[in-house]
């Protein structure tokens, strides 16, 4: 069980063959790498499942390899066109997850030297089209771990700056806290060739284009997002996990966040978040065990608003009314965004 969705294995993956599994999307959510938060966002799981299926079906039509098999239970699987109501269950191919070892406060990725197929690449690939206020980019620019030149800029960016070209970067995936790393380190820990790294970047750019086009059709801006990859049984790179949802992407509507950023912003100034940020710096590997505070529940009105936001986003992105919810502009206005404009 993960903090957001459960995984049921129907057939375990082996070094020679992929497995078959089922994602069960829940109404749980997570922020700041904490894991399960105290609330449930009603309808979130079904919304995420339908949105992810929508984008995986587009990838399939575009010839982009991925692990999506369909929606449903066991071997009774359907595409979205075959569903009468939203599903929370997605069938996928499974690949081995080989976790790095830990020793003396660092991670050991030596196990990847002997792998050739059927395994998750231990990276998250992040694309950035816009640099919104609150993005980690600005903190890293202040720390000196990222430069304007890295972003393709001649000077420091302003919050909300739109990039001429997407900025593609990478972080670790299987560490206790995601850690931004260079592409050289990414190749080293994952034992990737230059051609494989180039392929990952190429796929990321294409998927970014697809998500951005679908988002624009729904009136949204795809500001940034993350993608995960694996090697299948043939040694080909395939897209895995989930793409194109408000949990993987930062969508905005006239500058208003259509994502769990609404939960992040509420927690950002709480004692719990202040403590975990300090603890992460002192204990980067096993930081959670050093945190004494716990997150409080969200206010009921924000929790209800988040539920409506996920449902309305799903309806808008897929072009179908899967859920009873106001349109996205009305929900944004309800949550403090710009007033809805009717035409």
C-alpha atoms as a PDB file:
ATOM      1  CA  UNK A   1       0.000   0.000   0.000  1.00  0.00           C
ATOM      2  CA  UNK A   2       1.253   3.446  -0.898  1.00  0.00           C
ATOM      3  CA  UNK A   3       0.216   6.745   0.621  1.00  0.00           C
ATOM      4  CA  UNK A   4      -2.187   7.404  -2.278  1.00  0.00           C
ATOM      5  CA  UNK A   5      -2.933   4.119  -4.049  1.00  0.00           C
ATOM      6  CA  UNK A   6      -2.685   0.416  -3.339  1.00  0.00           C
ATOM      7  CA  UNK A   7      -0.999  -2.115  -5.594  1.00  0.00           C
ATOM      8  CA  UNK A   8      -2.359  -5.632  -5.959  1.00  0.00           C
ATOM      9  CA  UNK A   9      -0.079  -8.092  -7.738  1.00  0.00           C
ATOM     10  CA  UNK A  10      -1.765 -10.724  -9.934  1.00  0.00           C
ATOM     11  CA  UNK A  11       1.564 -11.959 -11.284  1.00  0.00           C
ATOM     12  CA  UNK A  12       4.916 -11.032  -9.819  1.00  0.00           C
ATOM     13  CA  UNK A  13       7.593  -9.696 -12.199  1.00  0.00           C
ATOM     14  CA  UNK A  14      10.771 -11.705 -12.691  1.00  0.00           C
ATOM     15  CA  UNK A  15      14.090 -10.823 -14.324  1.00  0.00           C
ATOM     16  CA  UNK A  16      12.753 -12.244 -17.599  1.00  0.00           C
ATOM     17  CA  UNK A  17       9.061 -11.392 -17.538  1.00  0.00           C
ATOM     18  CA  UNK A  18       6.907  -8.447 -16.473  1.00  0.00           C
ATOM     19  CA  UNK A  19       4.171  -9.000 -13.939  1.00  0.00           C
ATOM     20  CA  UNK A  20       0.535  -7.946 -13.911  1.00  0.00           C
ATOM     21  CA  UNK A  21      -0.923  -5.768 -11.202  1.00  0.00           C
ATOM     22  CA  UNK A  22      -3.738  -3.463 -10.278  1.00  0.00           C
ATOM     23  CA  UNK A  23      -3.624   0.068  -8.954  1.00  0.00           C
ATOM     24  CA  UNK A  24      -6.484   0.810  -6.554  1.00  0.00           C
ATOM     25  CA  UNK A  25      -6.764   4.581  -6.329  1.00  0.00           C
ATOM     26  CA  UNK A  26      -7.836   5.858  -2.927  1.00  0.00           C
ATOM     27  CA  UNK A  27      -9.106   9.178  -1.594  1.00  0.00           C
ATOM     28  CA  UNK A  28      -5.938   9.506   0.490  1.00  0.00           C
ATOM     29  CA  UNK A  29      -3.364  12.136  -0.367  1.00  0.00           C
ATOM     30  CA  UNK A  30       0.204  13.052   0.528  1.00  0.00           C
ATOM     31  CA  UNK A  31       2.217  16.276   0.630  1.00  0.00           C
ATOM     32  CA  UNK A  32       5.876  17.038   1.399  1.00  0.00           C
ATOM     33  CA  UNK A  33       6.885  13.351   1.191  1.00  0.00           C
ATOM     34  CA  UNK A  34       5.075  12.723   4.486  1.00  0.00           C
ATOM     35  CA  UNK A  35       2.871   9.878   3.390  1.00  0.00           C
ATOM     36  CA  UNK A  36      -0.793   9.504   4.290  1.00  0.00           C
ATOM     37  CA  UNK A  37      -2.390  12.720   5.571  1.00  0.00           C
ATOM     38  CA  UNK A  38      -5.255  12.751   8.102  1.00  0.00           C
ATOM     39  CA  UNK A  39      -8.095  13.517   5.644  1.00  0.00           C
ATOM     40  CA  UNK A  40      -9.770  11.782   2.705  1.00  0.00           C
ATOM     41  CA  UNK A  41     -10.675  13.812  -0.396  1.00  0.00           C
ATOM     42  CA  UNK A  42     -13.974  12.319  -1.587  1.00  0.00           C
ATOM     43  CA  UNK A  43     -13.900  11.320  -5.262  1.00  0.00           C
ATOM     44  CA  UNK A  44     -10.178  11.948  -5.640  1.00  0.00           C
ATOM     45  CA  UNK A  45      -9.265   8.318  -6.304  1.00  0.00           C
ATOM     46  CA  UNK A  46     -11.788   7.812  -9.088  1.00  0.00           C
ATOM     47  CA  UNK A  47     -10.902  11.201 -10.615  1.00  0.00           C
ATOM     48  CA  UNK A  48      -7.198  10.371 -10.720  1.00  0.00           C
ATOM     49  CA  UNK A  49      -7.837   6.913 -12.172  1.00  0.00           C
ATOM     50  CA  UNK A  50      -9.964   8.252 -15.032  1.00  0.00           C
ATOM     51  CA  UNK A  51      -7.576  11.119 -15.826  1.00  0.00           C
ATOM     52  CA  UNK A  52      -4.569   8.790 -15.847  1.00  0.00           C
ATOM     53  CA  UNK A  53      -6.370   6.325 -18.125  1.00  0.00           C
ATOM     54  CA  UNK A  54      -7.284   9.186 -20.463  1.00  0.00           C
ATOM     55  CA  UNK A  55      -3.625  10.107 -20.904  1.00  0.00           C
ATOM     56  CA  UNK A  56      -2.378   6.529 -21.136  1.00  0.00           C
ATOM     57  CA  UNK A  57      -4.862   5.870 -23.927  1.00  0.00           C
ATOM     58  CA  UNK A  58      -3.517   8.916 -25.774  1.00  0.00           C
ATOM     59  CA  UNK A  59       0.049   7.628 -25.306  1.00  0.00           C
ATOM     60  CA  UNK A  60      -1.029   4.300 -26.751  1.00  0.00           C
ATOM     61  CA  UNK A  61      -2.476   5.973 -29.832  1.00  0.00           C
ATOM     62  CA  UNK A  62       0.737   7.992 -30.186  1.00  0.00           C
ATOM     63  CA  UNK A  63       2.892   4.850 -30.054  1.00  0.00           C
ATOM     64  CA  UNK A  64       4.558   5.753 -26.739  1.00  0.00           C
ATOM     65  CA  UNK A  65       5.254   2.529 -24.775  1.00  0.00           C
ATOM     66  CA  UNK A  66       3.659   2.394 -21.322  1.00  0.00           C
ATOM     67  CA  UNK A  67       2.461  -0.129 -18.752  1.00  0.00           C
ATOM     68  CA  UNK A  68      -1.286   0.627 -18.935  1.00  0.00           C
ATOM     69  CA  UNK A  69      -3.510  -2.389 -19.695  1.00  0.00           C
ATOM     70  CA  UNK A  70      -6.989  -1.051 -18.964  1.00  0.00           C
ATOM     71  CA  UNK A  71      -9.504  -0.372 -16.214  1.00  0.00           C
ATOM     72  CA  UNK A  72     -11.356  -2.893 -14.081  1.00  0.00           C
ATOM     73  CA  UNK A  73     -10.764  -6.018 -12.017  1.00  0.00           C
ATOM     74  CA  UNK A  74      -8.557  -8.975 -12.846  1.00  0.00           C
ATOM     75  CA  UNK A  75      -8.629  -9.792 -16.516  1.00  0.00           C
ATOM     76  CA  UNK A  76     -12.003  -8.111 -17.150  1.00  0.00           C
ATOM     77  CA  UNK A  77     -10.541  -4.835 -18.347  1.00  0.00           C
ATOM     78  CA  UNK A  78     -12.004  -1.984 -20.366  1.00  0.00           C
ATOM     79  CA  UNK A  79     -10.979   1.268 -21.967  1.00  0.00           C
ATOM     80  CA  UNK A  80     -12.706   4.485 -20.957  1.00  0.00           C
ATOM     81  CA  UNK A  81     -15.200   4.180 -23.799  1.00  0.00           C
ATOM     82  CA  UNK A  82     -16.426   0.919 -22.269  1.00  0.00           C
ATOM     83  CA  UNK A  83     -17.160   2.377 -18.823  1.00  0.00           C
ATOM     84  CA  UNK A  84     -20.566   3.548 -17.642  1.00  0.00           C
ATOM     85  CA  UNK A  85     -19.182   5.150 -14.461  1.00  0.00           C
ATOM     86  CA  UNK A  86     -15.740   6.143 -13.168  1.00  0.00           C
ATOM     87  CA  UNK A  87     -13.427   3.405 -11.927  1.00  0.00           C
ATOM     88  CA  UNK A  88     -10.847   3.390  -9.146  1.00  0.00           C
ATOM     89  CA  UNK A  89      -9.038   0.306 -10.504  1.00  0.00           C
ATOM     90  CA  UNK A  90      -6.387   0.222 -13.218  1.00  0.00           C
ATOM     91  CA  UNK A  91      -4.597  -2.842 -14.562  1.00  0.00           C
ATOM     92  CA  UNK A  92      -0.913  -2.376 -15.393  1.00  0.00           C
ATOM     93  CA  UNK A  93       2.223  -4.278 -16.222  1.00  0.00           C
ATOM     94  CA  UNK A  94       4.505  -4.646 -13.210  1.00  0.00           C
ATOM     95  CA  UNK A  95       8.272  -4.295 -13.152  1.00  0.00           C
ATOM     96  CA  UNK A  96      10.727  -5.048 -10.391  1.00  0.00           C
ATOM     97  CA  UNK A  97      11.433  -2.307  -7.849  1.00  0.00           C
ATOM     98  CA  UNK A  98      15.040  -2.656  -6.687  1.00  0.00           C
ATOM     99  CA  UNK A  99      15.598  -0.365  -3.733  1.00  0.00           C
ATOM    100  CA  UNK A 100      19.062   1.068  -3.116  1.00  0.00           C
ATOM    101  CA  UNK A 101      20.826   0.014   0.034  1.00  0.00           C
ATOM    102  CA  UNK A 102      21.692   2.455   2.802  1.00  0.00           C
ATOM    103  CA  UNK A 103      24.975   2.736   4.639  1.00  0.00           C
ATOM    104  CA  UNK A 104      26.353   5.509   6.832  1.00  0.00           C
ATOM    105  CA  UNK A 105      23.704   8.013   5.795  1.00  0.00           C
ATOM    106  CA  UNK A 106      24.059   7.493   2.033  1.00  0.00           C
ATOM    107  CA  UNK A 107      22.484   5.309  -0.652  1.00  0.00           C
ATOM    108  CA  UNK A 108      24.120   2.404  -2.478  1.00  0.00           C
ATOM    109  CA  UNK A 109      22.913   1.825  -6.061  1.00  0.00           C
ATOM    110  CA  UNK A 110      25.432  -0.874  -6.954  1.00  0.00           C
ATOM    111  CA  UNK A 111      22.639  -3.455  -7.458  1.00  0.00           C
ATOM    112  CA  UNK A 112      21.679  -1.706 -10.703  1.00  0.00           C
ATOM    113  CA  UNK A 113      24.935  -2.727 -12.369  1.00  0.00           C
ATOM    114  CA  UNK A 114      23.624  -6.263 -12.863  1.00  0.00           C
ATOM    115  CA  UNK A 115      20.115  -5.359 -14.104  1.00  0.00           C
ATOM    116  CA  UNK A 116      19.152  -5.390 -17.771  1.00  0.00           C
ATOM    117  CA  UNK A 117      15.353  -5.615 -18.003  1.00  0.00           C
ATOM    118  CA  UNK A 118      12.072  -5.549 -16.104  1.00  0.00           C
ATOM    119  CA  UNK A 119      12.906  -2.929 -13.484  1.00  0.00           C
ATOM    120  CA  UNK A 120      11.832   0.529 -12.433  1.00  0.00           C
ATOM    121  CA  UNK A 121      14.389   3.214 -13.244  1.00  0.00           C
ATOM    122  CA  UNK A 122      14.950   4.846  -9.816  1.00  0.00           C
ATOM    123  CA  UNK A 123      14.374   8.399 -11.066  1.00  0.00           C
ATOM    124  CA  UNK A 124      11.617  10.963 -11.359  1.00  0.00           C
ATOM    125  CA  UNK A 125      11.896  13.127 -14.443  1.00  0.00           C
ATOM    126  CA  UNK A 126      10.490  16.628 -14.055  1.00  0.00           C
ATOM    127  CA  UNK A 127       9.537  18.994 -16.857  1.00  0.00           C
ATOM    128  CA  UNK A 128       9.000  22.705 -16.206  1.00  0.00           C
ATOM    129  CA  UNK A 129       7.190  25.056 -18.576  1.00  0.00           C
ATOM    130  CA  UNK A 130       6.510  27.835 -16.056  1.00  0.00           C
ATOM    131  CA  UNK A 131       8.267  28.855 -12.824  1.00  0.00           C
ATOM    132  CA  UNK A 132       5.399  29.633 -10.434  1.00  0.00           C
ATOM    133  CA  UNK A 133       5.803  31.310  -7.062  1.00  0.00           C
ATOM    134  CA  UNK A 134       6.580  28.623  -4.496  1.00  0.00           C
ATOM    135  CA  UNK A 135       8.436  26.412  -6.955  1.00  0.00           C
ATOM    136  CA  UNK A 136      11.508  24.692  -5.510  1.00  0.00           C
ATOM    137  CA  UNK A 137      13.431  26.313  -8.356  1.00  0.00           C
ATOM    138  CA  UNK A 138      13.575  29.654  -6.497  1.00  0.00           C
ATOM    139  CA  UNK A 139      14.867  28.087  -3.283  1.00  0.00           C
ATOM    140  CA  UNK A 140      17.546  26.225  -5.214  1.00  0.00           C
ATOM    141  CA  UNK A 141      18.553  29.378  -7.063  1.00  0.00           C
ATOM    142  CA  UNK A 142      19.063  31.085  -3.685  1.00  0.00           C
ATOM    143  CA  UNK A 143      21.076  28.112  -2.404  1.00  0.00           C
ATOM    144  CA  UNK A 144      23.243  28.110  -5.519  1.00  0.00           C
ATOM    145  CA  UNK A 145      22.395  24.500  -6.401  1.00  0.00           C
ATOM    146  CA  UNK A 146      20.711  25.718  -9.604  1.00  0.00           C
ATOM    147  CA  UNK A 147      21.579  28.610 -11.898  1.00  0.00           C
ATOM    148  CA  UNK A 148      19.636  30.801 -14.307  1.00  0.00           C
ATOM    149  CA  UNK A 149      21.826  29.397 -17.095  1.00  0.00           C
ATOM    150  CA  UNK A 150      20.629  25.877 -16.203  1.00  0.00           C
ATOM    151  CA  UNK A 151      17.108  27.120 -16.929  1.00  0.00           C
ATOM    152  CA  UNK A 152      18.181  28.615 -20.247  1.00  0.00           C
ATOM    153  CA  UNK A 153      17.886  32.154 -18.890  1.00  0.00           C
ATOM    154  CA  UNK A 154      20.330  35.055 -19.029  1.00  0.00           C
ATOM    155  CA  UNK A 155      19.232  36.412 -15.645  1.00  0.00           C
ATOM    156  CA  UNK A 156      17.256  35.516 -12.505  1.00  0.00           C
ATOM    157  CA  UNK A 157      13.659  34.496 -13.256  1.00  0.00           C
ATOM    158  CA  UNK A 158      10.553  36.149 -11.859  1.00  0.00           C
ATOM    159  CA  UNK A 159       7.751  34.129 -10.225  1.00  0.00           C
ATOM    160  CA  UNK A 160       5.343  33.091 -12.952  1.00  0.00           C
ATOM    161  CA  UNK A 161       7.949  33.293 -15.692  1.00  0.00           C
ATOM    162  CA  UNK A 162       7.171  31.230 -18.774  1.00  0.00           C
ATOM    163  CA  UNK A 163      10.182  29.409 -20.185  1.00  0.00           C
ATOM    164  CA  UNK A 164      10.896  29.555 -23.905  1.00  0.00           C
ATOM    165  CA  UNK A 165      11.841  25.876 -23.812  1.00  0.00           C
ATOM    166  CA  UNK A 166      10.834  23.268 -21.243  1.00  0.00           C
ATOM    167  CA  UNK A 167      13.449  22.650 -18.566  1.00  0.00           C
ATOM    168  CA  UNK A 168      13.922  18.921 -18.008  1.00  0.00           C
ATOM    169  CA  UNK A 169      15.576  17.784 -14.789  1.00  0.00           C
ATOM    170  CA  UNK A 170      15.742  14.695 -12.645  1.00  0.00           C
ATOM    171  CA  UNK A 171      15.475  13.595  -9.027  1.00  0.00           C
ATOM    172  CA  UNK A 172      15.820  10.362  -7.118  1.00  0.00           C
ATOM    173  CA  UNK A 173      12.711   8.220  -6.728  1.00  0.00           C
ATOM    174  CA  UNK A 174      13.422   5.552  -4.106  1.00  0.00           C
ATOM    175  CA  UNK A 175      15.079   7.605  -1.380  1.00  0.00           C
ATOM    176  CA  UNK A 176      13.193   8.784   1.714  1.00  0.00           C
ATOM    177  CA  UNK A 177      13.128  12.305   0.258  1.00  0.00           C
ATOM    178  CA  UNK A 178      13.327  13.081  -3.436  1.00  0.00           C
ATOM    179  CA  UNK A 179      16.728  14.612  -4.154  1.00  0.00           C
ATOM    180  CA  UNK A 180      17.485  16.697  -7.251  1.00  0.00           C
ATOM    181  CA  UNK A 181      20.573  15.384  -8.998  1.00  0.00           C
ATOM    182  CA  UNK A 182      22.520  16.092 -12.167  1.00  0.00           C
ATOM    183  CA  UNK A 183      21.945  14.034 -15.292  1.00  0.00           C
ATOM    184  CA  UNK A 184      25.473  12.674 -14.893  1.00  0.00           C
ATOM    185  CA  UNK A 185      24.603  11.358 -11.423  1.00  0.00           C
ATOM    186  CA  UNK A 186      21.283  10.038 -12.728  1.00  0.00           C
ATOM    187  CA  UNK A 187      23.111   8.033 -15.394  1.00  0.00           C
ATOM    188  CA  UNK A 188      25.615   6.808 -12.831  1.00  0.00           C
ATOM    189  CA  UNK A 189      23.215   5.553 -10.156  1.00  0.00           C
ATOM    190  CA  UNK A 190      20.795   4.022 -12.683  1.00  0.00           C
ATOM    191  CA  UNK A 191      23.522   2.614 -14.943  1.00  0.00           C
ATOM    192  CA  UNK A 192      21.973   4.286 -17.997  1.00  0.00           C
ATOM    193  CA  UNK A 193      23.756   4.832 -21.281  1.00  0.00           C
ATOM    194  CA  UNK A 194      23.815   8.260 -22.927  1.00  0.00           C
ATOM    195  CA  UNK A 195      21.379   6.982 -25.580  1.00  0.00           C
ATOM    196  CA  UNK A 196      18.974   5.745 -22.893  1.00  0.00           C
ATOM    197  CA  UNK A 197      19.145   9.080 -21.108  1.00  0.00           C
ATOM    198  CA  UNK A 198      18.470  10.888 -24.376  1.00  0.00           C
ATOM    199  CA  UNK A 199      15.475   8.610 -24.975  1.00  0.00           C
ATOM    200  CA  UNK A 200      14.044   9.455 -21.548  1.00  0.00           C
ATOM    201  CA  UNK A 201      14.404  13.168 -22.247  1.00  0.00           C
ATOM    202  CA  UNK A 202      12.837  12.760 -25.705  1.00  0.00           C
ATOM    203  CA  UNK A 203       9.836  10.899 -24.276  1.00  0.00           C
ATOM    204  CA  UNK A 204       9.454  13.477 -21.513  1.00  0.00           C
ATOM    205  CA  UNK A 205       9.312  16.336 -24.002  1.00  0.00           C
ATOM    206  CA  UNK A 206       6.717  14.538 -26.122  1.00  0.00           C
ATOM    207  CA  UNK A 207       4.546  13.635 -23.130  1.00  0.00           C
ATOM    208  CA  UNK A 208       4.791  17.227 -21.922  1.00  0.00           C
ATOM    209  CA  UNK A 209       3.465  18.360 -25.308  1.00  0.00           C
ATOM    210  CA  UNK A 210       0.546  15.930 -25.097  1.00  0.00           C
ATOM    211  CA  UNK A 211      -0.424  16.918 -21.551  1.00  0.00           C
ATOM    212  CA  UNK A 212      -0.045  20.625 -22.334  1.00  0.00           C
ATOM    213  CA  UNK A 213      -2.311  20.344 -25.399  1.00  0.00           C
ATOM    214  CA  UNK A 214      -5.016  18.476 -23.474  1.00  0.00           C
ATOM    215  CA  UNK A 215      -4.743  20.922 -20.568  1.00  0.00           C
ATOM    216  CA  UNK A 216      -5.089  23.915 -22.925  1.00  0.00           C
ATOM    217  CA  UNK A 217      -8.246  22.403 -24.411  1.00  0.00           C
ATOM    218  CA  UNK A 218      -9.666  22.358 -20.860  1.00  0.00           C
ATOM    219  CA  UNK A 219      -8.571  25.948 -20.238  1.00  0.00           C
ATOM    220  CA  UNK A 220      -5.626  24.916 -18.065  1.00  0.00           C
ATOM    221  CA  UNK A 221      -1.902  25.646 -18.162  1.00  0.00           C
ATOM    222  CA  UNK A 222       0.425  22.692 -17.614  1.00  0.00           C
ATOM    223  CA  UNK A 223       3.140  24.443 -15.596  1.00  0.00           C
ATOM    224  CA  UNK A 224       5.208  21.418 -14.607  1.00  0.00           C
ATOM    225  CA  UNK A 225       4.946  17.713 -13.978  1.00  0.00           C
ATOM    226  CA  UNK A 226       6.750  14.468 -13.267  1.00  0.00           C
ATOM    227  CA  UNK A 227       7.095  11.190 -15.144  1.00  0.00           C
ATOM    228  CA  UNK A 228       8.526   7.780 -14.210  1.00  0.00           C
ATOM    229  CA  UNK A 229      10.036   5.128 -16.468  1.00  0.00           C
ATOM    230  CA  UNK A 230      11.021   1.468 -16.419  1.00  0.00           C
ATOM    231  CA  UNK A 231      12.771  -1.060 -18.643  1.00  0.00           C
ATOM    232  CA  UNK A 232      10.416  -3.765 -19.907  1.00  0.00           C
ATOM    233  CA  UNK A 233      11.267  -7.407 -20.693  1.00  0.00           C
ATOM    234  CA  UNK A 234      12.791  -6.381 -24.030  1.00  0.00           C
ATOM    235  CA  UNK A 235      14.954  -3.714 -22.463  1.00  0.00           C
ATOM    236  CA  UNK A 236      12.810  -0.920 -23.944  1.00  0.00           C
ATOM    237  CA  UNK A 237      11.995   2.202 -21.934  1.00  0.00           C
ATOM    238  CA  UNK A 238       8.310   2.484 -21.000  1.00  0.00           C
ATOM    239  CA  UNK A 239       6.242   5.039 -19.073  1.00  0.00           C
ATOM    240  CA  UNK A 240       4.984   3.772 -15.710  1.00  0.00           C
ATOM    241  CA  UNK A 241       3.060   4.831 -12.624  1.00  0.00           C
ATOM    242  CA  UNK A 242       0.592   7.647 -13.476  1.00  0.00           C
ATOM    243  CA  UNK A 243       0.728  10.723 -15.697  1.00  0.00           C
ATOM    244  CA  UNK A 244      -1.370  13.796 -16.437  1.00  0.00           C
ATOM    245  CA  UNK A 245      -3.252  14.149 -13.141  1.00  0.00           C
ATOM    246  CA  UNK A 246      -3.261  17.067 -10.670  1.00  0.00           C
ATOM    247  CA  UNK A 247      -1.076  14.935  -8.382  1.00  0.00           C
ATOM    248  CA  UNK A 248       1.627  14.538 -11.034  1.00  0.00           C
ATOM    249  CA  UNK A 249       1.202  17.950 -12.711  1.00  0.00           C
ATOM    250  CA  UNK A 250       0.877  21.518 -11.597  1.00  0.00           C
ATOM    251  CA  UNK A 251      -2.158  22.801 -13.509  1.00  0.00           C
ATOM    252  CA  UNK A 252      -3.399  26.372 -13.222  1.00  0.00           C
ATOM    253  CA  UNK A 253      -6.546  28.164 -14.353  1.00  0.00           C
ATOM    254  CA  UNK A 254      -5.913  31.899 -14.768  1.00  0.00           C
ATOM    255  CA  UNK A 255      -3.129  31.547 -12.206  1.00  0.00           C
ATOM    256  CA  UNK A 256      -5.240  29.533  -9.732  1.00  0.00           C
ATOM    257  CA  UNK A 257      -3.769  26.178  -8.718  1.00  0.00           C
ATOM    258  CA  UNK A 258      -5.797  23.171  -9.833  1.00  0.00           C
ATOM    259  CA  UNK A 259      -3.895  20.571  -7.819  1.00  0.00           C
ATOM    260  CA  UNK A 260      -3.127  19.503  -4.271  1.00  0.00           C
ATOM    261  CA  UNK A 261      -1.104  22.733  -4.047  1.00  0.00           C
ATOM    262  CA  UNK A 262      -4.189  24.001  -2.184  1.00  0.00           C
ATOM    263  CA  UNK A 263      -3.358  21.548   0.591  1.00  0.00           C
ATOM    264  CA  UNK A 264       0.352  22.376   0.464  1.00  0.00           C
ATOM    265  CA  UNK A 265      -0.264  26.108   0.851  1.00  0.00           C
ATOM    266  CA  UNK A 266      -2.502  25.561   3.879  1.00  0.00           C
ATOM    267  CA  UNK A 267       0.118  23.430   5.624  1.00  0.00           C
ATOM    268  CA  UNK A 268       3.184  25.447   4.586  1.00  0.00           C
ATOM    269  CA  UNK A 269       3.178  27.785   7.625  1.00  0.00           C
ATOM    270  CA  UNK A 270       2.075  25.211  10.201  1.00  0.00           C
ATOM    271  CA  UNK A 271       4.415  24.020  12.996  1.00  0.00           C
ATOM    272  CA  UNK A 272       4.352  20.527  11.464  1.00  0.00           C
ATOM    273  CA  UNK A 273       5.747  21.670   8.113  1.00  0.00           C
ATOM    274  CA  UNK A 274       8.270  24.021   9.703  1.00  0.00           C
ATOM    275  CA  UNK A 275       9.573  21.116  11.780  1.00  0.00           C
ATOM    276  CA  UNK A 276       9.852  18.628   8.915  1.00  0.00           C
ATOM    277  CA  UNK A 277      11.786  21.134   6.798  1.00  0.00           C
ATOM    278  CA  UNK A 278      14.317  21.573   9.618  1.00  0.00           C
ATOM    279  CA  UNK A 279      14.525  17.830  10.287  1.00  0.00           C
ATOM    280  CA  UNK A 280      15.089  17.016   6.603  1.00  0.00           C
ATOM    281  CA  UNK A 281      18.215  19.183   6.617  1.00  0.00           C
ATOM    282  CA  UNK A 282      19.606  17.524   9.749  1.00  0.00           C
ATOM    283  CA  UNK A 283      18.592  13.925   8.931  1.00  0.00           C
ATOM    284  CA  UNK A 284      18.161  13.604   5.143  1.00  0.00           C
ATOM    285  CA  UNK A 285      17.866   9.796   5.018  1.00  0.00           C
ATOM    286  CA  UNK A 286      15.572   8.740   7.903  1.00  0.00           C
ATOM    287  CA  UNK A 287      14.035  12.114   8.695  1.00  0.00           C
ATOM    288  CA  UNK A 288      10.472  11.009   9.481  1.00  0.00           C
ATOM    289  CA  UNK A 289      11.438   9.231  12.692  1.00  0.00           C
ATOM    290  CA  UNK A 290      12.792  12.524  14.076  1.00  0.00           C
ATOM    291  CA  UNK A 291       9.564  14.509  13.567  1.00  0.00           C
ATOM    292  CA  UNK A 292       7.502  14.969  16.747  1.00  0.00           C
ATOM    293  CA  UNK A 293       4.633  17.052  15.326  1.00  0.00           C
ATOM    294  CA  UNK A 294       1.744  15.699  13.258  1.00  0.00           C
ATOM    295  CA  UNK A 295      -0.354  17.395  10.577  1.00  0.00           C
ATOM    296  CA  UNK A 296      -3.768  18.704  11.613  1.00  0.00           C
ATOM    297  CA  UNK A 297      -6.843  17.935   9.498  1.00  0.00           C
ATOM    298  CA  UNK A 298      -7.766  20.406   6.772  1.00  0.00           C
ATOM    299  CA  UNK A 299     -10.668  22.800   7.386  1.00  0.00           C
ATOM    300  CA  UNK A 300     -13.934  21.216   6.128  1.00  0.00           C
ATOM    301  CA  UNK A 301     -14.539  23.912   3.504  1.00  0.00           C
ATOM    302  CA  UNK A 302     -11.093  23.405   1.974  1.00  0.00           C
ATOM    303  CA  UNK A 303     -11.543  19.640   1.995  1.00  0.00           C
ATOM    304  CA  UNK A 304     -14.895  19.924   0.176  1.00  0.00           C
ATOM    305  CA  UNK A 305     -13.382  22.382  -2.285  1.00  0.00           C
ATOM    306  CA  UNK A 306     -10.535  19.992  -3.068  1.00  0.00           C
ATOM    307  CA  UNK A 307     -13.048  17.220  -3.740  1.00  0.00           C
ATOM    308  CA  UNK A 308     -14.934  19.402  -6.213  1.00  0.00           C
ATOM    309  CA  UNK A 309     -11.680  20.540  -7.792  1.00  0.00           C
ATOM    310  CA  UNK A 310     -10.523  16.987  -8.590  1.00  0.00           C
ATOM    311  CA  UNK A 311     -13.931  16.058 -10.004  1.00  0.00           C
ATOM    312  CA  UNK A 312     -14.232  19.207 -12.120  1.00  0.00           C
ATOM    313  CA  UNK A 313     -10.668  18.795 -13.406  1.00  0.00           C
ATOM    314  CA  UNK A 314     -11.427  15.221 -14.466  1.00  0.00           C
ATOM    315  CA  UNK A 315     -14.560  16.312 -16.311  1.00  0.00           C
ATOM    316  CA  UNK A 316     -12.690  19.132 -18.067  1.00  0.00           C
ATOM    317  CA  UNK A 317      -9.605  17.140 -19.090  1.00  0.00           C
ATOM    318  CA  UNK A 318     -11.513  14.144 -20.420  1.00  0.00           C
ATOM    319  CA  UNK A 319     -14.337  16.134 -21.995  1.00  0.00           C
ATOM    320  CA  UNK A 320     -16.963  13.989 -20.268  1.00  0.00           C
ATOM    321  CA  UNK A 321     -19.121  14.578 -17.185  1.00  0.00           C
ATOM    322  CA  UNK A 322     -18.002  11.654 -15.034  1.00  0.00           C
ATOM    323  CA  UNK A 323     -18.897  13.479 -11.810  1.00  0.00           C
ATOM    324  CA  UNK A 324     -21.576  15.859 -10.601  1.00  0.00           C
ATOM    325  CA  UNK A 325     -19.576  19.012 -10.018  1.00  0.00           C
ATOM    326  CA  UNK A 326     -19.650  22.660 -11.095  1.00  0.00           C
ATOM    327  CA  UNK A 327     -17.410  23.549 -13.995  1.00  0.00           C
ATOM    328  CA  UNK A 328     -13.777  24.224 -13.251  1.00  0.00           C
ATOM    329  CA  UNK A 329     -14.114  28.009 -13.329  1.00  0.00           C
ATOM    330  CA  UNK A 330     -16.927  27.949 -10.775  1.00  0.00           C
ATOM    331  CA  UNK A 331     -14.965  25.673  -8.436  1.00  0.00           C
ATOM    332  CA  UNK A 332     -11.898  27.899  -8.722  1.00  0.00           C
ATOM    333  CA  UNK A 333     -14.034  30.939  -7.863  1.00  0.00           C
ATOM    334  CA  UNK A 334     -15.477  29.073  -4.874  1.00  0.00           C
ATOM    335  CA  UNK A 335     -11.953  28.387  -3.608  1.00  0.00           C
ATOM    336  CA  UNK A 336     -10.720  31.933  -3.989  1.00  0.00           C
ATOM    337  CA  UNK A 337      -9.696  32.111  -7.624  1.00  0.00           C
ATOM    338  CA  UNK A 338     -10.982  34.611 -10.155  1.00  0.00           C
ATOM    339  CA  UNK A 339     -14.779  34.837 -10.513  1.00  0.00           C
ATOM    340  CA  UNK A 340     -16.232  32.419 -13.016  1.00  0.00           C
ATOM    341  CA  UNK A 341     -16.992  33.999 -16.393  1.00  0.00           C
ATOM    342  CA  UNK A 342     -19.983  32.673 -18.301  1.00  0.00           C
ATOM    343  CA  UNK A 343     -20.131  33.014 -22.070  1.00  0.00           C
END
